[in-house]
Amino acid sequence: MRIIFVLFIAIYLNALTTAHITDVKGLKIKLDKPIQKGISGVVLCPYQNEEIICAKTVSFGDYAKLYVYDNLKNDAFGLPLVYPKKGDKVIFGKNYSRIMIIAPNQTVYLKLKQRFKNFTIIPIDVFAAFLDDLPTKENFINFTNKMDIGLYIFALDKLYYVDAQSFYVISKEDYNFPKKFKIPFFSSYKFDIKEKDIIDYYKKMLKGIND
């Protein structure tokens, strides 16, 4: 049963879901089909006979909210002035094959790295290099935009699959982890951070954790 569940998760995380906009009201768009709450996506707008990403979005079921697309931002290039409209395509889960693992120790990190070997795993040390204290949600989201990450996998009291843009838990899985958690997560960096309940710290950061 566990093998079947793992296979399901792998297929689920690699899947792209497409919807279309049926109505636009300010920064809220209506979708032609429901999408799981918390899954982020991008809106594709026609531009000079091509489709370009013109906005980010997060689903709330049968509607979604729009946000400025600032991933991989480069101030040297201007942004075309196109806006989402009725009929435009929305791709959800676009970067779910690009993940980063937040693990309590090296053993768990390496096990999860092997488990998701067919995914693009962003090295945890790259994130650690940006920190000098406990990571905040803003730290995670800023890093998401720099590296185009789709999912964070938090190995806490359970395994939480977290949308990297919305920080909603989109799936979770029972898993046995050691109670000792390296602060703030396993990496080769040495942090001088005061001990605290890091599992509780991260769980308070995640949205929809009890859904």
C-alpha atoms as a PDB file:
ATOM      1  CA  MET A   1       0.000   0.000   0.000  1.00  0.00           C
ATOM      2  CA  ARG A   2       2.845   2.410   0.832  1.00  0.00           C
ATOM      3  CA  ILE A   3       4.437   1.837  -2.606  1.00  0.00           C
ATOM      4  CA  ILE A   4       1.111   2.653  -4.302  1.00  0.00           C
ATOM      5  CA  PHE A   5       0.758   5.840  -2.215  1.00  0.00           C
ATOM      6  CA  VAL A   6       4.295   6.985  -3.048  1.00  0.00           C
ATOM      7  CA  LEU A   7       3.634   6.364  -6.745  1.00  0.00           C
ATOM      8  CA  PHE A   8       0.394   8.366  -6.504  1.00  0.00           C
ATOM      9  CA  ILE A   9       2.225  11.297  -4.873  1.00  0.00           C
ATOM     10  CA  ALA A  10       4.908  11.247  -7.581  1.00  0.00           C
ATOM     11  CA  ILE A  11       2.285  11.337 -10.353  1.00  0.00           C
ATOM     12  CA  TYR A  12       0.254  13.979  -8.513  1.00  0.00           C
ATOM     13  CA  LEU A  13       3.217  16.300  -8.000  1.00  0.00           C
ATOM     14  CA  ASN A  14       4.304  16.047 -11.627  1.00  0.00           C
ATOM     15  CA  ALA A  15       0.845  16.740 -13.020  1.00  0.00           C
ATOM     16  CA  LEU A  16      -0.037  20.032 -14.656  1.00  0.00           C
ATOM     17  CA  THR A  17      -3.656  21.141 -14.481  1.00  0.00           C
ATOM     18  CA  THR A  18      -5.072  23.576 -17.017  1.00  0.00           C
ATOM     19  CA  ALA A  19      -8.121  25.792 -16.548  1.00  0.00           C
ATOM     20  CA  HIS A  20      -9.512  28.825 -18.364  1.00  0.00           C
ATOM     21  CA  ILE A  21     -10.690  32.193 -17.102  1.00  0.00           C
ATOM     22  CA  THR A  22     -14.447  32.728 -17.428  1.00  0.00           C
ATOM     23  CA  ASP A  23     -14.600  36.136 -15.720  1.00  0.00           C
ATOM     24  CA  VAL A  24     -12.248  38.800 -14.324  1.00  0.00           C
ATOM     25  CA  LYS A  25     -13.179  41.164 -11.496  1.00  0.00           C
ATOM     26  CA  GLY A  26     -10.218  43.205 -10.329  1.00  0.00           C
ATOM     27  CA  LEU A  27      -7.638  40.789  -8.957  1.00  0.00           C
ATOM     28  CA  LYS A  28     -10.073  37.865  -8.806  1.00  0.00           C
ATOM     29  CA  ILE A  29     -10.688  35.462 -11.689  1.00  0.00           C
ATOM     30  CA  LYS A  30     -13.368  32.820 -12.084  1.00  0.00           C
ATOM     31  CA  LEU A  31     -12.291  29.443 -13.463  1.00  0.00           C
ATOM     32  CA  ASP A  32     -14.116  27.019 -15.725  1.00  0.00           C
ATOM     33  CA  LYS A  33     -13.469  24.170 -13.297  1.00  0.00           C
ATOM     34  CA  PRO A  34     -12.554  23.861  -9.607  1.00  0.00           C
ATOM     35  CA  ILE A  35      -8.885  23.589  -8.680  1.00  0.00           C
ATOM     36  CA  GLN A  36      -7.699  22.469  -5.238  1.00  0.00           C
ATOM     37  CA  LYS A  37      -7.324  25.392  -2.846  1.00  0.00           C
ATOM     38  CA  GLY A  38      -3.748  26.579  -2.413  1.00  0.00           C
ATOM     39  CA  ILE A  39      -2.317  25.367  -5.711  1.00  0.00           C
ATOM     40  CA  SER A  40      -0.527  28.191  -7.508  1.00  0.00           C
ATOM     41  CA  GLY A  41      -0.290  28.738 -11.236  1.00  0.00           C
ATOM     42  CA  VAL A  42       0.481  31.157 -14.027  1.00  0.00           C
ATOM     43  CA  VAL A  43      -1.804  32.923 -16.478  1.00  0.00           C
ATOM     44  CA  LEU A  44      -0.860  32.785 -20.170  1.00  0.00           C
ATOM     45  CA  CYS A  45      -1.870  35.841 -22.193  1.00  0.00           C
ATOM     46  CA  PRO A  46      -1.689  36.195 -26.004  1.00  0.00           C
ATOM     47  CA  TYR A  47       1.054  38.625 -27.071  1.00  0.00           C
ATOM     48  CA  GLN A  48       2.325  39.131 -30.637  1.00  0.00           C
ATOM     49  CA  ASN A  49       1.062  35.700 -31.762  1.00  0.00           C
ATOM     50  CA  GLU A  50       2.657  34.015 -28.752  1.00  0.00           C
ATOM     51  CA  GLU A  51       1.575  33.167 -25.208  1.00  0.00           C
ATOM     52  CA  ILE A  52       3.465  34.828 -22.363  1.00  0.00           C
ATOM     53  CA  ILE A  53       3.138  34.600 -18.602  1.00  0.00           C
ATOM     54  CA  CYS A  54       1.286  37.746 -17.549  1.00  0.00           C
ATOM     55  CA  ALA A  55       0.392  36.962 -13.929  1.00  0.00           C
ATOM     56  CA  LYS A  56       0.670  34.502 -11.069  1.00  0.00           C
ATOM     57  CA  THR A  57      -2.404  33.082  -9.419  1.00  0.00           C
ATOM     58  CA  VAL A  58      -3.484  30.984  -6.438  1.00  0.00           C
ATOM     59  CA  SER A  59      -6.625  28.849  -6.524  1.00  0.00           C
ATOM     60  CA  PHE A  60      -9.402  29.067  -3.965  1.00  0.00           C
ATOM     61  CA  GLY A  61     -11.620  26.431  -5.580  1.00  0.00           C
ATOM     62  CA  ASP A  62     -13.744  27.751  -8.443  1.00  0.00           C
ATOM     63  CA  TYR A  63     -11.979  31.115  -8.424  1.00  0.00           C
ATOM     64  CA  ALA A  64      -8.410  32.345  -8.030  1.00  0.00           C
ATOM     65  CA  LYS A  65      -6.547  35.507  -7.037  1.00  0.00           C
ATOM     66  CA  LEU A  66      -4.052  37.278  -9.291  1.00  0.00           C
ATOM     67  CA  TYR A  67      -0.558  38.421  -8.352  1.00  0.00           C
ATOM     68  CA  VAL A  68       2.296  40.116 -10.197  1.00  0.00           C
ATOM     69  CA  TYR A  69       4.595  37.612 -11.887  1.00  0.00           C
ATOM     70  CA  ASP A  70       8.025  38.414 -10.412  1.00  0.00           C
ATOM     71  CA  ASN A  71       9.793  35.055 -10.657  1.00  0.00           C
ATOM     72  CA  LEU A  72      13.301  35.262 -12.115  1.00  0.00           C
ATOM     73  CA  LYS A  73      12.883  39.036 -12.165  1.00  0.00           C
ATOM     74  CA  ASN A  74      15.392  41.008 -14.253  1.00  0.00           C
ATOM     75  CA  ASP A  75      15.222  44.806 -14.051  1.00  0.00           C
ATOM     76  CA  ALA A  76      17.116  45.066 -17.352  1.00  0.00           C
ATOM     77  CA  PHE A  77      14.044  43.859 -19.231  1.00  0.00           C
ATOM     78  CA  GLY A  78      10.714  45.649 -19.428  1.00  0.00           C
ATOM     79  CA  LEU A  79       7.448  43.808 -18.919  1.00  0.00           C
ATOM     80  CA  PRO A  80       4.838  43.826 -21.710  1.00  0.00           C
ATOM     81  CA  LEU A  81       1.593  45.485 -20.602  1.00  0.00           C
ATOM     82  CA  VAL A  82      -0.851  42.630 -21.011  1.00  0.00           C
ATOM     83  CA  TYR A  83      -3.489  41.647 -18.486  1.00  0.00           C
ATOM     84  CA  PRO A  84      -5.489  38.457 -17.826  1.00  0.00           C
ATOM     85  CA  LYS A  85      -8.894  38.367 -19.523  1.00  0.00           C
ATOM     86  CA  LYS A  86     -11.762  35.976 -20.195  1.00  0.00           C
ATOM     87  CA  GLY A  87     -10.631  32.922 -22.170  1.00  0.00           C
ATOM     88  CA  ASP A  88      -6.974  33.056 -21.097  1.00  0.00           C
ATOM     89  CA  LYS A  89      -5.359  29.801 -20.037  1.00  0.00           C
ATOM     90  CA  VAL A  90      -4.152  29.152 -16.471  1.00  0.00           C
ATOM     91  CA  ILE A  91      -1.593  26.429 -15.774  1.00  0.00           C
ATOM     92  CA  PHE A  92      -1.565  25.173 -12.180  1.00  0.00           C
ATOM     93  CA  GLY A  93       1.327  23.252 -10.625  1.00  0.00           C
ATOM     94  CA  LYS A  94       3.710  24.500 -13.313  1.00  0.00           C
ATOM     95  CA  ASN A  95       6.918  24.041 -11.287  1.00  0.00           C
ATOM     96  CA  TYR A  96       5.907  21.163  -9.025  1.00  0.00           C
ATOM     97  CA  SER A  97       8.838  19.122 -10.328  1.00  0.00           C
ATOM     98  CA  ARG A  98      11.224  21.702  -8.773  1.00  0.00           C
ATOM     99  CA  ILE A  99      11.401  21.047  -5.027  1.00  0.00           C
ATOM    100  CA  MET A 100      13.396  21.817  -1.910  1.00  0.00           C
ATOM    101  CA  ILE A 101      13.544  19.543   1.134  1.00  0.00           C
ATOM    102  CA  ILE A 102      13.421  20.799   4.731  1.00  0.00           C
ATOM    103  CA  ALA A 103      14.646  17.847   6.809  1.00  0.00           C
ATOM    104  CA  PRO A 104      15.648  17.347  10.458  1.00  0.00           C
ATOM    105  CA  ASN A 105      18.943  15.559   9.749  1.00  0.00           C
ATOM    106  CA  GLN A 106      21.171  14.158   7.026  1.00  0.00           C
ATOM    107  CA  THR A 107      19.655  10.661   7.115  1.00  0.00           C
ATOM    108  CA  VAL A 108      16.128  11.889   6.411  1.00  0.00           C
ATOM    109  CA  TYR A 109      17.372  14.404   3.840  1.00  0.00           C
ATOM    110  CA  LEU A 110      19.229  11.751   1.847  1.00  0.00           C
ATOM    111  CA  LYS A 111      16.292   9.320   2.007  1.00  0.00           C
ATOM    112  CA  LEU A 112      13.934  11.959   0.635  1.00  0.00           C
ATOM    113  CA  LYS A 113      16.482  13.054  -1.942  1.00  0.00           C
ATOM    114  CA  GLN A 114      16.647   9.467  -3.205  1.00  0.00           C
ATOM    115  CA  ARG A 115      12.869   9.131  -3.128  1.00  0.00           C
ATOM    116  CA  PHE A 116      12.466  12.219  -5.324  1.00  0.00           C
ATOM    117  CA  LYS A 117      15.486  11.578  -7.526  1.00  0.00           C
ATOM    118  CA  ASN A 118      13.427  12.176 -10.679  1.00  0.00           C
ATOM    119  CA  PHE A 119      12.615  15.699  -9.520  1.00  0.00           C
ATOM    120  CA  THR A 120      14.837  18.775  -9.734  1.00  0.00           C
ATOM    121  CA  ILE A 121      15.990  19.210  -6.131  1.00  0.00           C
ATOM    122  CA  ILE A 122      17.251  22.674  -5.203  1.00  0.00           C
ATOM    123  CA  PRO A 123      20.251  22.176  -2.851  1.00  0.00           C
ATOM    124  CA  ILE A 124      19.400  23.202   0.701  1.00  0.00           C
ATOM    125  CA  ASP A 125      22.823  24.844   1.099  1.00  0.00           C
ATOM    126  CA  VAL A 126      21.896  27.428  -1.542  1.00  0.00           C
ATOM    127  CA  PHE A 127      19.010  28.563   0.660  1.00  0.00           C
ATOM    128  CA  ALA A 128      21.100  28.374   3.834  1.00  0.00           C
ATOM    129  CA  ALA A 129      23.633  30.772   2.320  1.00  0.00           C
ATOM    130  CA  PHE A 130      20.967  33.519   2.345  1.00  0.00           C
ATOM    131  CA  LEU A 131      20.186  33.129   6.071  1.00  0.00           C
ATOM    132  CA  ASP A 132      21.692  34.210   9.361  1.00  0.00           C
ATOM    133  CA  ASP A 133      18.638  33.437  11.509  1.00  0.00           C
ATOM    134  CA  LEU A 134      15.503  31.303  11.463  1.00  0.00           C
ATOM    135  CA  PRO A 135      13.930  31.456   7.990  1.00  0.00           C
ATOM    136  CA  THR A 136      10.700  33.406   7.749  1.00  0.00           C
ATOM    137  CA  LYS A 137       7.877  32.783   5.297  1.00  0.00           C
ATOM    138  CA  GLU A 138       9.118  35.845   3.385  1.00  0.00           C
ATOM    139  CA  ASN A 139      12.593  34.255   3.142  1.00  0.00           C
ATOM    140  CA  PHE A 140      11.069  31.114   1.654  1.00  0.00           C
ATOM    141  CA  ILE A 141       8.868  32.977  -0.838  1.00  0.00           C
ATOM    142  CA  ASN A 142      11.691  35.307  -1.943  1.00  0.00           C
ATOM    143  CA  PHE A 143      13.854  32.244  -2.541  1.00  0.00           C
ATOM    144  CA  THR A 144      10.969  30.630  -4.434  1.00  0.00           C
ATOM    145  CA  ASN A 145      10.904  33.556  -6.837  1.00  0.00           C
ATOM    146  CA  LYS A 146      14.682  33.532  -7.325  1.00  0.00           C
ATOM    147  CA  MET A 147      14.866  29.799  -8.033  1.00  0.00           C
ATOM    148  CA  ASP A 148      11.411  29.125  -9.550  1.00  0.00           C
ATOM    149  CA  ILE A 149      10.628  26.471  -6.923  1.00  0.00           C
ATOM    150  CA  GLY A 150       7.241  24.766  -7.078  1.00  0.00           C
ATOM    151  CA  LEU A 151       7.104  22.832  -3.812  1.00  0.00           C
ATOM    152  CA  TYR A 152       8.715  22.728  -0.402  1.00  0.00           C
ATOM    153  CA  ILE A 153       8.707  19.332   1.282  1.00  0.00           C
ATOM    154  CA  PHE A 154       8.723  19.783   5.056  1.00  0.00           C
ATOM    155  CA  ALA A 155       9.674  16.686   7.051  1.00  0.00           C
ATOM    156  CA  LEU A 156       8.091  17.557  10.396  1.00  0.00           C
ATOM    157  CA  ASP A 157       5.703  15.372  12.438  1.00  0.00           C
ATOM    158  CA  LYS A 158       4.352  14.413   9.017  1.00  0.00           C
ATOM    159  CA  LEU A 159       5.593  14.912   5.486  1.00  0.00           C
ATOM    160  CA  TYR A 160       3.991  18.134   4.233  1.00  0.00           C
ATOM    161  CA  TYR A 161       3.914  19.030   0.532  1.00  0.00           C
ATOM    162  CA  VAL A 162       3.684  22.806   0.485  1.00  0.00           C
ATOM    163  CA  ASP A 163       2.976  25.016  -2.524  1.00  0.00           C
ATOM    164  CA  ALA A 164       5.991  27.327  -2.674  1.00  0.00           C
ATOM    165  CA  GLN A 165       3.983  30.396  -3.719  1.00  0.00           C
ATOM    166  CA  SER A 166       0.889  30.168  -1.520  1.00  0.00           C
ATOM    167  CA  PHE A 167       2.400  28.177   1.377  1.00  0.00           C
ATOM    168  CA  TYR A 168      -0.719  26.021   1.493  1.00  0.00           C
ATOM    169  CA  VAL A 169      -0.308  22.356   2.397  1.00  0.00           C
ATOM    170  CA  ILE A 170      -1.593  20.564  -0.702  1.00  0.00           C
ATOM    171  CA  SER A 171      -0.881  17.044   0.548  1.00  0.00           C
ATOM    172  CA  LYS A 172       0.505  15.336   3.641  1.00  0.00           C
ATOM    173  CA  GLU A 173       1.705  11.900   4.546  1.00  0.00           C
ATOM    174  CA  ASP A 174       2.347  10.012   7.784  1.00  0.00           C
ATOM    175  CA  TYR A 175       6.039   9.448   8.288  1.00  0.00           C
ATOM    176  CA  ASN A 176       8.219   8.625  11.285  1.00  0.00           C
ATOM    177  CA  PHE A 177      10.838  11.265  11.985  1.00  0.00           C
ATOM    178  CA  PRO A 178      13.284  11.606  14.871  1.00  0.00           C
ATOM    179  CA  LYS A 179      12.258  14.077  17.571  1.00  0.00           C
ATOM    180  CA  LYS A 180      15.647  15.822  17.427  1.00  0.00           C
ATOM    181  CA  PHE A 181      15.612  18.505  14.737  1.00  0.00           C
ATOM    182  CA  LYS A 182      18.773  20.270  13.602  1.00  0.00           C
ATOM    183  CA  ILE A 183      18.104  24.014  13.799  1.00  0.00           C
ATOM    184  CA  PRO A 184      16.838  25.407  11.439  1.00  0.00           C
ATOM    185  CA  PHE A 185      17.122  22.375   9.076  1.00  0.00           C
ATOM    186  CA  PHE A 186      19.738  19.941   7.830  1.00  0.00           C
ATOM    187  CA  SER A 187      22.477  21.629   5.784  1.00  0.00           C
ATOM    188  CA  SER A 188      26.270  21.794   5.783  1.00  0.00           C
ATOM    189  CA  TYR A 189      26.092  25.323   7.242  1.00  0.00           C
ATOM    190  CA  LYS A 190      26.526  25.896  10.970  1.00  0.00           C
ATOM    191  CA  PHE A 191      23.933  28.289  12.397  1.00  0.00           C
ATOM    192  CA  ASP A 192      24.227  29.985  15.776  1.00  0.00           C
ATOM    193  CA  ILE A 193      20.511  29.957  16.511  1.00  0.00           C
ATOM    194  CA  LYS A 194      18.884  29.474  19.898  1.00  0.00           C
ATOM    195  CA  GLU A 195      17.113  26.148  20.353  1.00  0.00           C
ATOM    196  CA  LYS A 196      13.327  26.199  20.008  1.00  0.00           C
ATOM    197  CA  ASP A 197      10.454  23.946  18.937  1.00  0.00           C
ATOM    198  CA  ILE A 198      11.287  24.176  15.244  1.00  0.00           C
ATOM    199  CA  ILE A 199       8.512  21.756  14.213  1.00  0.00           C
ATOM    200  CA  ASP A 200       5.895  23.995  15.839  1.00  0.00           C
ATOM    201  CA  TYR A 201       7.610  27.060  14.316  1.00  0.00           C
ATOM    202  CA  TYR A 202       7.267  25.683  10.787  1.00  0.00           C
ATOM    203  CA  LYS A 203       3.748  24.319  11.298  1.00  0.00           C
ATOM    204  CA  LYS A 204       2.528  27.791  12.314  1.00  0.00           C
ATOM    205  CA  MET A 205       3.965  29.076   9.032  1.00  0.00           C
ATOM    206  CA  LEU A 206       1.975  26.659   6.839  1.00  0.00           C
ATOM    207  CA  LYS A 207      -1.570  27.379   5.644  1.00  0.00           C
ATOM    208  CA  GLY A 208      -4.353  24.803   5.522  1.00  0.00           C
ATOM    209  CA  ILE A 209      -2.340  22.416   7.664  1.00  0.00           C
ATOM    210  CA  ASN A 210      -5.454  20.968   9.348  1.00  0.00           C
ATOM    211  CA  ASP A 211      -7.639  20.789   6.231  1.00  0.00           C
END
